[in-house]
Amino acid sequence: MKRRDFLRVSGLSTPVLLNGLSLSTLAKSRLFSTIDGDSDRILVLIQLTGGNDGLNTIIPMDMYDRLQAVRTDIMVPENSVINIDQDLAMHGSMESMHELYTQQQLKIVQGVAYPNQNRSHFRSTDIWTSGSPATEVWIDGWLGRYFQNRHPEFPTGYPNADCPDPFAITVGSLVSATCQGITGNFSMAISDVDSLNPISEGATGSLPDTPYGDELMFLREAIRQTNAYAEQITNAADAGTTSVSYNEDNPLAQSLKTVAQLISGGLQTRVYVVSLGGFDTHAGQVNENDSNAGMHADLLQTVSEAVFSFQTDIQNQGLQDRVLGMTFSEFGRQIAQNDSFGTDHGTAAPLFLFGNCVDPAILGHNAEIPELVDPQDGVAMQYDFRDIYGSVLVDWFDVEEAEVREILHPEFIKLPLLDQNCLMTTSTSDPTAVDQLVDMVIRPQPVRGTAYIDLELRESAEVDLRIYDSVGKELATLISGRVDAGLSTYSHDCHRFPAGNYYCRLRVGRRHMTQLMLVI
């Protein structure tokens, strides 16, 4: 969503805080909403603003030597990482997150991005929060569309005795664009639950039958609703508790403490959004004389400790089966370091889901690092982030797949993100690794002129095979449809491709794999 469009549909020119409540919540329509009566499940989104360096977060140890060659100054020392298995590791500052992984409360999804990657912070954030294709601008958010389908009459008659609570809450000064509806935002921004004092509703009395009167009537009603919801939040904060000590110097931990307190206090809000900035690590990503420390290490430790405290708190209070958490960032970083002990805007990166209900298996294979890395090369996409969003909607919020295709994209593929015991419906996900069902060979390697891709399927399946360049642009679709079992060969004329690294992204049914293709 363009920033000017967001401000336009919110009816504001600048965000203003009154008594801890953002006036950007006073949008013209669907200001707040309530949870459905048939489910009390909660989604907590953590936005890592700036573009997290996935290669410094989840490290492909089988590619360590190649990374070391292009990240000479910033590569984490091999003896300081926390091993997940023999080929994969976490940054050494993420001990707490690794503990969640060992407790089977953390899921790692590798290589998350979208086709035709945009490397602008603003545009890519718009894409991630709206769930739009890279080539289209949508003014509403992916959760906003989900909310709107269920509450088409809102805000008329809200709040009421049956639905007293806001539908979504953003902890911070601005409402989240993920919850933006067509004419208003479904989330309410709060900065301090201890100071939600009522906003003055002004003088009462009749209003003129003019556009000014209409606007004033809307403002009075919005303030009345805001005060009503603020009272509900205050009551929940007073009734809620926390069972662990949250680091006062950790801003993300303090935001998640607020979320835990409100959930504990019985607030029936469906979605919480929190954020942590600082991930745009162009310079000083690591200390000049110690690549194991620095800005990014501090950020990862902040996230790791905050998530661990929150999840422990939720677990201690017996709320673990109701809460699912997920991180997202607008893009990863480039494979090679820059000259400022940092990294520049890239493509794909890992995404985390956490909670008692996650399927703890790692989804996806390690990032493949070319032997020769071009300066602009990014990590190849394996999974479209919209498939992750849609899978959460289906399995956590019981949304039909047909509706997800309308909310997100028509080619939606559900992924195995949650434990089978936590699914709202019978799962149709197939977690079988794609390399158990198909062999893919690219020849010749390197490619001179025409590339031939041989696929040998063990069984007939829906197959999608596309070529991307090293910055995430989709270049060609070789096949998208049903393919019989056996050997099939597809070709593409690469004569006009500049020399460099390319990727073939293969989907067989619900399984994905990405393979490097060098063109010379």
Protein backbone atom coordinates (compact mmCIF):
# COMPACT_ATOMS: atom_id res chain seq x y z
CA MET A 1 0.00 0.00 0.00
CA LYS A 2 1.33 3.46 -0.85
CA ARG A 3 1.88 5.60 2.20
CA ARG A 4 -0.30 8.39 0.86
CA ASP A 5 -3.12 5.87 0.25
CA PHE A 6 -2.81 4.59 3.79
CA LEU A 7 -3.12 8.10 5.19
CA ARG A 8 -6.00 8.86 2.82
CA VAL A 9 -8.10 5.86 3.80
CA SER A 10 -7.28 6.43 7.46
CA GLY A 11 -8.64 9.99 7.22
CA LEU A 12 -5.49 11.48 8.74
CA SER A 13 -2.49 13.47 7.65
CA THR A 14 -0.26 12.56 10.60
CA PRO A 15 -0.40 9.99 13.37
CA VAL A 16 -1.37 11.57 16.71
CA LEU A 17 -1.37 9.98 20.13
CA LEU A 18 -3.94 10.91 22.75
CA ASN A 19 -3.59 9.26 26.16
CA GLY A 20 -1.81 6.33 24.57
CA LEU A 21 -4.43 5.85 21.81
CA SER A 22 -3.52 6.57 18.23
CA LEU A 23 -6.02 8.74 16.40
CA SER A 24 -5.12 6.70 13.33
CA THR A 25 -7.56 4.18 14.79
CA LEU A 26 -10.38 6.61 14.02
CA ALA A 27 -10.82 5.52 10.42
CA LYS A 28 -14.14 5.96 8.67
CA SER A 29 -15.12 2.28 8.55
CA ARG A 30 -14.41 -1.04 10.27
CA LEU A 31 -12.55 0.72 13.03
CA PHE A 32 -12.64 -2.22 15.42
CA SER A 33 -14.14 -5.66 15.47
CA THR A 34 -14.39 -8.73 17.63
CA ILE A 35 -13.40 -12.34 17.53
CA ASP A 36 -15.66 -15.06 16.24
CA GLY A 37 -17.46 -16.95 18.96
CA ASP A 38 -16.32 -20.37 17.73
CA SER A 39 -12.60 -19.82 18.30
CA ASP A 40 -10.33 -18.07 20.76
CA ARG A 41 -7.11 -18.57 18.82
CA ILE A 42 -4.67 -15.67 18.70
CA LEU A 43 -1.98 -14.72 16.18
CA VAL A 44 0.99 -12.59 17.26
CA LEU A 45 2.96 -11.00 14.40
CA ILE A 46 6.48 -9.69 14.93
CA GLN A 47 7.68 -7.35 12.19
CA LEU A 48 11.48 -7.14 11.86
CA THR A 49 11.72 -3.78 10.14
CA GLY A 50 14.57 -3.05 7.75
CA GLY A 51 15.26 -6.40 6.10
CA ASN A 52 16.80 -9.14 8.24
CA ASP A 53 20.04 -10.80 7.10
CA GLY A 54 18.91 -14.40 6.95
CA LEU A 55 22.38 -15.75 6.16
CA ASN A 56 23.61 -14.33 9.46
CA THR A 57 20.55 -15.70 11.29
CA ILE A 58 20.16 -19.27 10.02
CA ILE A 59 23.53 -20.26 8.61
CA PRO A 60 23.91 -22.99 5.93
CA MET A 61 27.03 -24.68 7.26
CA ASP A 62 27.35 -26.82 4.13
CA MET A 63 27.92 -23.53 2.28
CA TYR A 64 30.16 -21.99 4.93
CA ASP A 65 33.34 -21.87 2.82
CA ARG A 66 31.57 -20.12 -0.06
CA LEU A 67 30.00 -17.62 2.33
CA GLN A 68 33.33 -17.00 4.01
CA ALA A 69 34.82 -16.13 0.62
CA VAL A 70 32.30 -13.31 -0.01
CA ARG A 71 31.69 -12.32 3.63
CA THR A 72 35.30 -12.21 4.75
CA ASP A 73 34.78 -9.45 7.31
CA ILE A 74 31.28 -10.26 8.56
CA MET A 75 30.98 -14.05 8.53
CA VAL A 76 30.18 -15.48 11.96
CA PRO A 77 33.09 -17.63 13.23
CA GLU A 78 32.41 -21.29 12.60
CA ASN A 79 33.14 -22.22 16.23
CA SER A 80 30.64 -19.71 17.64
CA VAL A 81 27.41 -20.85 15.93
CA ILE A 82 24.72 -22.96 17.58
CA ASN A 83 24.29 -26.13 15.58
CA ILE A 84 20.81 -27.23 14.59
CA ASP A 85 22.17 -30.20 12.67
CA GLN A 86 25.42 -30.92 10.84
CA ASP A 87 24.46 -28.67 7.92
CA LEU A 88 22.53 -25.85 9.60
CA ALA A 89 23.15 -23.50 12.52
CA MET A 90 21.81 -20.43 14.33
CA HIS A 91 23.76 -17.30 15.13
CA GLY A 92 25.49 -17.65 18.48
CA SER A 93 23.40 -14.88 20.05
CA MET A 94 20.18 -16.88 19.60
CA GLU A 95 20.56 -19.31 22.49
CA SER A 96 17.05 -18.65 23.76
CA MET A 97 15.47 -19.22 20.34
CA HIS A 98 17.48 -22.42 19.98
CA GLU A 99 16.09 -23.56 23.32
CA LEU A 100 12.59 -23.14 21.91
CA TYR A 101 13.66 -25.23 18.93
CA THR A 102 14.87 -28.03 21.19
CA GLN A 103 11.51 -27.82 23.00
CA GLN A 104 9.78 -28.26 19.61
CA GLN A 105 8.14 -24.84 19.87
CA LEU A 106 9.92 -23.22 16.93
CA LYS A 107 9.54 -23.76 13.19
CA ILE A 108 12.02 -22.45 10.62
CA VAL A 109 10.87 -21.87 7.04
CA GLN A 110 13.80 -21.38 4.67
CA GLY A 111 13.97 -19.09 1.65
CA VAL A 112 10.78 -17.02 2.07
CA ALA A 113 10.15 -14.22 -0.44
CA TYR A 114 7.87 -13.52 -3.43
CA PRO A 115 8.25 -13.53 -7.22
CA ASN A 116 9.75 -10.37 -8.74
CA GLN A 117 11.34 -9.17 -5.52
CA ASN A 118 11.27 -5.42 -4.91
CA ARG A 119 14.22 -4.12 -2.89
CA SER A 120 12.63 -0.86 -1.74
CA HIS A 121 11.81 -0.82 1.97
CA PHE A 122 8.49 0.96 1.45
CA ARG A 123 7.26 -1.02 -1.54
CA SER A 124 8.37 -4.40 -0.22
CA THR A 125 6.77 -3.69 3.15
CA ASP A 126 3.57 -2.80 1.28
CA ILE A 127 3.73 -6.17 -0.49
CA TRP A 128 4.32 -8.16 2.72
CA THR A 129 1.59 -6.36 4.68
CA SER A 130 -0.99 -6.33 1.89
CA GLY A 131 -0.23 -9.77 0.48
CA SER A 132 -0.32 -8.35 -3.03
CA PRO A 133 1.63 -9.48 -6.09
CA ALA A 134 4.79 -7.45 -6.65
CA THR A 135 3.29 -6.01 -9.82
CA GLU A 136 0.08 -4.68 -8.19
CA VAL A 137 -0.71 -2.13 -5.48
CA TRP A 138 -3.47 -3.14 -3.06
CA ILE A 139 -4.76 -0.64 -0.51
CA ASP A 140 -5.91 -3.19 2.06
CA GLY A 141 -4.01 -5.67 4.23
CA TRP A 142 -4.16 -9.46 4.12
CA LEU A 143 -5.72 -9.63 7.59
CA GLY A 144 -7.92 -6.66 6.77
CA ARG A 145 -9.54 -8.66 3.97
CA TYR A 146 -10.00 -11.63 6.30
CA PHE A 147 -11.67 -9.40 8.92
CA GLN A 148 -13.86 -7.66 6.38
CA ASN A 149 -15.29 -10.91 5.05
CA ARG A 150 -16.55 -11.70 8.55
CA HIS A 151 -17.70 -8.25 9.67
CA PRO A 152 -19.22 -6.50 6.65
CA GLU A 153 -21.57 -4.32 8.78
CA PHE A 154 -18.97 -3.01 11.19
CA PRO A 155 -18.71 -0.46 12.84
CA THR A 156 -22.48 -0.06 13.06
CA GLY A 157 -23.64 -1.39 16.42
CA TYR A 158 -20.17 -1.93 17.84
CA PRO A 159 -19.07 -2.40 20.55
CA ASN A 160 -21.92 -4.32 22.16
CA ALA A 161 -22.46 -6.82 24.96
CA ASP A 162 -21.62 -9.80 22.77
CA CYS A 163 -18.64 -8.18 21.04
CA PRO A 164 -16.95 -5.77 23.44
CA ASP A 165 -13.30 -5.96 22.36
CA PRO A 166 -11.16 -4.63 19.48
CA PHE A 167 -10.49 -7.15 16.75
CA ALA A 168 -6.74 -6.43 16.46
CA ILE A 169 -4.18 -4.44 18.45
CA THR A 170 -0.89 -2.94 17.33
CA VAL A 171 1.50 -2.26 20.19
CA GLY A 172 3.04 1.02 19.10
CA SER A 173 2.11 4.41 17.73
CA LEU A 174 0.75 3.36 14.31
CA VAL A 175 -1.86 0.82 13.34
CA SER A 176 -0.52 -2.09 11.31
CA ALA A 177 -1.06 -2.06 7.56
CA THR A 178 -1.67 -5.83 7.75
CA CYS A 179 -5.08 -5.02 9.24
CA GLN A 180 -6.03 -2.27 6.80
CA GLY A 181 -9.50 -2.60 5.32
CA ILE A 182 -10.90 -0.86 2.27
CA THR A 183 -12.05 2.21 4.22
CA GLY A 184 -10.40 1.82 7.61
CA ASN A 185 -8.03 -0.18 9.77
CA PHE A 186 -9.20 -3.07 11.91
CA SER A 187 -6.44 -2.67 14.48
CA MET A 188 -6.14 -0.26 17.37
CA ALA A 189 -2.75 1.22 18.23
CA ILE A 190 -1.81 1.45 21.90
CA SER A 191 1.46 2.60 23.38
CA ASP A 192 0.81 2.21 27.11
CA VAL A 193 -1.96 0.09 28.64
CA ASP A 194 -1.52 1.89 31.95
CA SER A 195 -2.56 5.31 30.62
CA LEU A 196 -5.59 4.77 28.40
CA ASN A 197 -7.49 7.76 29.73
CA PRO A 198 -10.82 8.64 28.09
CA ILE A 199 -10.78 11.12 25.22
CA SER A 200 -13.13 14.06 25.65
CA GLU A 201 -16.19 13.68 23.43
CA GLY A 202 -16.81 17.43 23.38
CA ALA A 203 -20.12 19.21 23.53
CA THR A 204 -23.35 17.33 22.87
CA GLY A 205 -26.40 18.57 21.03
CA SER A 206 -27.89 18.62 17.57
CA LEU A 207 -25.71 18.87 14.52
CA PRO A 208 -26.27 20.79 11.29
CA ASP A 209 -27.44 18.83 8.26
CA THR A 210 -24.25 19.58 6.36
CA PRO A 211 -21.05 17.72 5.40
CA TYR A 212 -19.45 19.35 8.44
CA GLY A 213 -22.22 17.95 10.63
CA ASP A 214 -21.72 14.48 9.15
CA GLU A 215 -18.00 14.57 9.87
CA LEU A 216 -18.53 15.83 13.41
CA MET A 217 -21.09 13.08 14.06
CA PHE A 218 -18.59 10.51 12.79
CA LEU A 219 -15.87 11.91 15.04
CA ARG A 220 -18.12 11.82 18.10
CA GLU A 221 -19.08 8.21 17.38
CA ALA A 222 -15.46 7.23 16.78
CA ILE A 223 -14.37 8.78 20.07
CA ARG A 224 -17.22 7.03 21.88
CA GLN A 225 -16.14 3.70 20.41
CA THR A 226 -12.50 4.39 21.19
CA ASN A 227 -13.30 5.11 24.82
CA ALA A 228 -15.42 1.96 25.05
CA TYR A 229 -12.62 -0.20 23.68
CA ALA A 230 -10.05 1.57 25.83
CA GLU A 231 -12.09 0.65 28.89
CA GLN A 232 -12.09 -3.00 27.81
CA ILE A 233 -8.32 -2.94 27.30
CA THR A 234 -7.76 -1.30 30.69
CA ASN A 235 -9.94 -3.90 32.40
CA ALA A 236 -8.00 -6.72 30.73
CA ALA A 237 -4.66 -5.14 31.64
CA ASP A 238 -5.79 -4.85 35.27
CA ALA A 239 -7.00 -8.45 35.33
CA GLY A 240 -4.00 -9.85 33.44
CA THR A 241 -0.68 -10.98 34.78
CA THR A 242 2.71 -12.18 33.64
CA SER A 243 4.63 -15.13 35.04
CA VAL A 244 8.17 -14.22 33.98
CA SER A 245 10.44 -11.23 34.24
CA TYR A 246 10.73 -9.38 30.92
CA ASN A 247 13.96 -7.48 30.28
CA GLU A 248 13.16 -3.79 30.77
CA ASP A 249 15.91 -2.81 28.33
CA ASN A 250 14.47 -5.02 25.58
CA PRO A 251 11.79 -3.04 23.67
CA LEU A 252 10.40 -6.09 21.89
CA ALA A 253 10.14 -7.97 25.19
CA GLN A 254 8.20 -5.07 26.68
CA SER A 255 5.78 -5.08 23.73
CA LEU A 256 5.27 -8.83 24.06
CA LYS A 257 4.77 -8.41 27.80
CA THR A 258 1.83 -6.13 27.02
CA VAL A 259 0.42 -8.76 24.65
CA ALA A 260 0.77 -11.52 27.27
CA GLN A 261 -0.86 -9.34 29.91
CA LEU A 262 -3.88 -8.59 27.71
CA ILE A 263 -4.30 -12.22 26.67
CA SER A 264 -4.04 -13.30 30.30
CA GLY A 265 -6.62 -10.68 31.26
CA GLY A 266 -9.19 -12.21 28.92
CA LEU A 267 -9.22 -9.64 26.14
CA GLN A 268 -10.84 -11.33 23.16
CA THR A 269 -8.63 -9.75 20.51
CA ARG A 270 -7.68 -12.00 17.63
CA VAL A 271 -4.45 -10.47 16.31
CA TYR A 272 -1.57 -8.59 17.94
CA VAL A 273 1.18 -6.88 15.95
CA VAL A 274 4.51 -5.78 17.44
CA SER A 275 7.70 -4.64 15.74
CA LEU A 276 11.42 -4.14 16.16
CA GLY A 277 13.44 -1.86 13.90
CA GLY A 278 17.12 -1.61 13.07
CA PHE A 279 17.55 -4.48 10.60
CA ASP A 280 18.69 -2.29 7.70
CA THR A 281 22.32 -3.20 8.35
CA HIS A 282 24.15 -1.48 5.48
CA ALA A 283 27.00 -0.50 7.79
CA GLY A 284 28.31 -1.81 11.09
CA GLN A 285 26.39 -5.05 10.93
CA VAL A 286 29.32 -6.56 12.85
CA ASN A 287 32.10 -5.03 14.88
CA GLU A 288 35.19 -4.37 12.80
CA ASN A 289 37.39 -6.59 14.93
CA ASP A 290 34.79 -9.13 16.04
CA SER A 291 32.33 -10.54 13.50
CA ASN A 292 30.56 -12.42 16.27
CA ALA A 293 29.35 -9.17 17.82
CA GLY A 294 27.78 -5.97 16.61
CA MET A 295 24.46 -4.45 15.62
CA HIS A 296 22.93 -7.56 14.07
CA ALA A 297 24.04 -9.86 16.88
CA ASP A 298 22.36 -7.49 19.35
CA LEU A 299 19.15 -7.47 17.32
CA LEU A 300 19.05 -11.26 17.08
CA GLN A 301 19.62 -11.56 20.81
CA THR A 302 16.81 -9.05 21.41
CA VAL A 303 14.40 -11.08 19.30
CA SER A 304 15.54 -14.40 20.72
CA GLU A 305 15.21 -13.41 24.38
CA ALA A 306 11.91 -11.58 23.85
CA VAL A 307 10.26 -14.50 22.05
CA PHE A 308 11.56 -16.97 24.65
CA SER A 309 10.22 -14.88 27.55
CA PHE A 310 6.84 -14.51 25.87
CA GLN A 311 6.49 -18.18 24.99
CA THR A 312 7.56 -19.23 28.50
CA ASP A 313 5.02 -16.83 29.97
CA ILE A 314 2.23 -18.11 27.75
CA GLN A 315 3.19 -21.69 28.61
CA ASN A 316 3.25 -21.00 32.35
CA GLN A 317 -0.23 -19.50 32.21
CA GLY A 318 -1.71 -22.45 30.33
CA LEU A 319 -2.39 -20.38 27.20
CA GLN A 320 0.03 -22.24 24.94
CA ASP A 321 -2.60 -23.92 22.76
CA ARG A 322 -4.28 -20.60 21.95
CA VAL A 323 -1.33 -18.53 20.76
CA LEU A 324 0.72 -18.75 17.57
CA GLY A 325 3.57 -16.35 16.79
CA MET A 326 5.20 -15.47 13.47
CA THR A 327 8.01 -13.16 12.36
CA PHE A 328 8.32 -11.36 9.04
CA SER A 329 10.68 -8.87 7.39
CA GLU A 330 10.43 -7.11 4.05
CA PHE A 331 13.41 -8.90 2.49
CA GLY A 332 16.69 -10.62 3.24
CA ARG A 333 20.14 -9.25 2.45
CA GLN A 334 22.52 -9.84 -0.45
CA ILE A 335 24.88 -12.80 -0.30
CA ALA A 336 28.10 -10.77 -0.47
CA GLN A 337 29.05 -8.16 2.09
CA ASN A 338 29.55 -4.52 1.13
CA ASP A 339 32.55 -2.32 1.96
CA SER A 340 31.05 -0.99 5.20
CA PHE A 341 31.01 -4.17 7.26
CA GLY A 342 27.37 -4.63 6.31
CA THR A 343 25.00 -6.04 3.71
CA ASP A 344 22.61 -4.50 1.20
CA HIS A 345 18.99 -5.22 0.27
CA GLY A 346 18.46 -8.75 -0.99
CA THR A 347 15.76 -11.32 -1.64
CA ALA A 348 14.71 -14.35 0.44
CA ALA A 349 15.33 -15.04 4.13
CA PRO A 350 14.12 -17.50 6.80
CA LEU A 351 10.87 -16.93 8.68
CA PHE A 352 10.03 -18.19 12.17
CA LEU A 353 6.80 -19.52 13.63
CA PHE A 354 6.67 -20.25 17.34
CA GLY A 355 4.24 -21.76 19.79
CA ASN A 356 3.06 -25.04 21.21
CA CYS A 357 1.22 -25.90 18.01
CA VAL A 358 3.97 -25.57 15.41
CA ASP A 359 5.26 -28.51 13.42
CA PRO A 360 8.91 -28.29 14.50
CA ALA A 361 10.37 -29.77 11.29
CA ILE A 362 12.47 -27.35 9.24
CA LEU A 363 10.68 -26.51 6.01
CA GLY A 364 12.90 -26.10 2.97
CA HIS A 365 16.52 -26.79 2.12
CA ASN A 366 19.62 -24.76 2.85
CA ALA A 367 20.33 -21.70 0.75
CA GLU A 368 22.52 -22.61 -2.24
CA ILE A 369 25.48 -20.26 -2.54
CA PRO A 370 27.06 -20.01 -6.02
CA GLU A 371 30.76 -20.65 -6.42
CA LEU A 372 31.04 -17.21 -8.03
CA VAL A 373 28.72 -14.64 -6.44
CA ASP A 374 27.72 -11.58 -8.42
CA PRO A 375 27.58 -8.33 -6.42
CA GLN A 376 23.76 -8.07 -6.46
CA ASP A 377 22.98 -11.75 -5.88
CA GLY A 378 20.37 -12.58 -3.26
CA VAL A 379 19.21 -15.83 -1.70
CA ALA A 380 16.79 -17.68 -3.98
CA MET A 381 13.12 -17.95 -3.06
CA GLN A 382 11.78 -21.35 -2.08
CA TYR A 383 8.43 -20.40 -0.49
CA ASP A 384 6.03 -17.61 -1.36
CA PHE A 385 5.17 -15.73 1.84
CA ARG A 386 1.52 -15.67 0.79
CA ASP A 387 1.42 -19.47 1.08
CA ILE A 388 2.58 -19.11 4.68
CA TYR A 389 -0.08 -16.49 5.41
CA GLY A 390 -2.73 -18.62 3.75
CA SER A 391 -1.69 -21.77 5.60
CA VAL A 392 -2.04 -19.89 8.90
CA LEU A 393 -5.52 -18.73 7.88
CA VAL A 394 -6.58 -22.27 6.94
CA ASP A 395 -5.07 -24.24 9.82
CA TRP A 396 -5.20 -21.67 12.63
CA PHE A 397 -8.31 -19.63 11.81
CA ASP A 398 -10.31 -22.31 9.92
CA VAL A 399 -10.60 -20.41 6.64
CA GLU A 400 -11.59 -22.33 3.52
CA GLU A 401 -8.84 -22.64 0.91
CA ALA A 402 -11.17 -21.12 -1.71
CA GLU A 403 -11.44 -17.96 0.40
CA VAL A 404 -7.67 -17.85 0.90
CA ARG A 405 -7.23 -17.87 -2.87
CA GLU A 406 -9.46 -14.80 -3.03
CA ILE A 407 -7.74 -13.05 -0.11
CA LEU A 408 -4.16 -13.80 -1.22
CA HIS A 409 -3.52 -15.43 -4.60
CA PRO A 410 -5.21 -18.01 -6.83
CA GLU A 411 -2.17 -20.33 -6.88
CA PHE A 412 -2.18 -20.77 -3.08
CA ILE A 413 -0.46 -23.94 -1.87
CA LYS A 414 -1.01 -24.97 1.75
CA LEU A 415 2.18 -25.74 3.65
CA PRO A 416 2.77 -27.99 6.68
CA LEU A 417 3.32 -25.38 9.39
CA LEU A 418 1.33 -26.68 12.36
CA ASP A 419 1.22 -29.92 14.31
CA GLN A 420 -1.52 -32.23 13.09
CA ASN A 421 -3.20 -32.17 16.52
CA CYS A 422 -3.69 -28.40 16.31
CA LEU A 423 -5.27 -28.14 12.87
CA MET A 424 -8.76 -26.68 12.62
CA THR A 425 -9.56 -28.99 9.68
CA THR A 426 -8.21 -32.18 8.18
CA SER A 427 -4.85 -31.38 6.64
CA THR A 428 -4.26 -31.70 2.92
CA SER A 429 -0.60 -30.75 3.25
CA ASP A 430 1.98 -33.28 2.13
CA PRO A 431 5.26 -32.83 4.00
CA THR A 432 7.12 -35.35 1.82
CA ALA A 433 10.38 -33.90 0.56
CA VAL A 434 10.25 -33.04 -3.13
CA ASP A 435 13.52 -34.86 -3.83
CA GLN A 436 11.83 -38.11 -2.78
CA LEU A 437 9.30 -37.68 -5.59
CA VAL A 438 11.34 -36.21 -8.43
CA ASP A 439 14.86 -35.95 -9.76
CA MET A 440 15.78 -32.64 -11.42
CA VAL A 441 18.89 -32.29 -13.57
CA ILE A 442 19.90 -29.07 -15.31
CA ARG A 443 22.18 -29.58 -18.31
CA PRO A 444 24.64 -28.56 -19.47
CA GLN A 445 26.02 -27.04 -16.31
CA PRO A 446 27.10 -24.31 -16.85
CA VAL A 447 24.58 -23.43 -19.53
CA ARG A 448 25.77 -22.19 -22.90
CA GLY A 449 22.80 -21.09 -24.97
CA THR A 450 19.95 -23.52 -24.30
CA ALA A 451 19.19 -24.99 -20.90
CA TYR A 452 17.59 -28.43 -20.61
CA ILE A 453 15.83 -29.44 -17.40
CA ASP A 454 15.12 -33.14 -16.95
CA LEU A 455 12.39 -34.09 -14.49
CA GLU A 456 11.82 -37.71 -13.53
CA LEU A 457 8.63 -38.12 -11.50
CA ARG A 458 7.90 -41.17 -9.36
CA GLU A 459 4.18 -40.52 -9.82
CA SER A 460 2.00 -38.14 -11.84
CA ALA A 461 1.54 -34.74 -10.19
CA GLU A 462 0.82 -31.04 -10.66
CA VAL A 463 4.15 -29.49 -11.60
CA ASP A 464 5.24 -25.86 -11.75
CA LEU A 465 8.75 -25.06 -13.07
CA ARG A 466 10.00 -21.48 -13.43
CA ILE A 467 13.30 -19.66 -13.94
CA TYR A 468 14.34 -16.69 -11.78
CA ASP A 469 17.37 -14.45 -11.89
CA SER A 470 19.62 -13.87 -8.89
CA VAL A 471 17.68 -10.82 -7.66
CA GLY A 472 14.33 -12.64 -7.67
CA LYS A 473 12.80 -11.63 -11.00
CA GLU A 474 10.68 -14.28 -12.66
CA LEU A 475 11.93 -14.83 -16.22
CA ALA A 476 10.11 -17.85 -17.63
CA THR A 477 7.50 -20.51 -16.86
CA LEU A 478 8.53 -23.85 -18.37
CA ILE A 479 5.56 -25.91 -17.19
CA SER A 480 2.51 -25.33 -15.04
CA GLY A 481 0.13 -28.26 -15.10
CA ARG A 482 -0.28 -32.01 -14.81
CA VAL A 483 2.75 -34.16 -15.67
CA ASP A 484 2.72 -37.93 -15.95
CA ALA A 485 5.13 -40.17 -14.10
CA GLY A 486 8.43 -40.80 -15.85
CA LEU A 487 11.03 -38.65 -17.56
CA SER A 488 10.13 -35.25 -19.05
CA THR A 489 12.51 -32.68 -20.51
CA TYR A 490 11.91 -28.93 -20.75
CA SER A 491 14.14 -26.41 -22.49
CA HIS A 492 14.65 -22.67 -22.51
CA ASP A 493 16.75 -20.50 -24.79
CA CYS A 494 19.13 -18.57 -22.51
CA HIS A 495 21.13 -16.86 -25.26
CA ARG A 496 19.79 -13.46 -24.22
CA PHE A 497 20.44 -14.01 -20.52
CA PRO A 498 23.45 -12.05 -19.24
CA ALA A 499 26.10 -14.33 -17.79
CA GLY A 500 25.43 -15.02 -14.13
CA ASN A 501 23.54 -17.08 -11.58
CA TYR A 502 19.93 -18.14 -12.13
CA TYR A 503 17.58 -20.49 -10.29
CA CYS A 504 15.06 -23.10 -11.37
CA ARG A 505 12.23 -23.23 -8.84
CA LEU A 506 10.25 -26.46 -8.95
CA ARG A 507 6.95 -27.24 -7.24
CA VAL A 508 5.60 -30.78 -7.35
CA GLY A 509 2.20 -30.90 -5.71
CA ARG A 510 2.79 -29.10 -2.42
CA ARG A 511 6.55 -29.62 -2.32
CA HIS A 512 9.20 -27.14 -3.42
CA MET A 513 12.85 -27.11 -4.39
CA THR A 514 15.21 -24.53 -5.91
CA GLN A 515 18.35 -25.33 -7.89
CA LEU A 516 21.16 -23.11 -9.12
CA MET A 517 21.74 -22.68 -12.86
CA LEU A 518 24.91 -20.93 -14.06
CA VAL A 519 24.76 -19.21 -17.44
CA ILE A 520 28.03 -18.28 -19.18
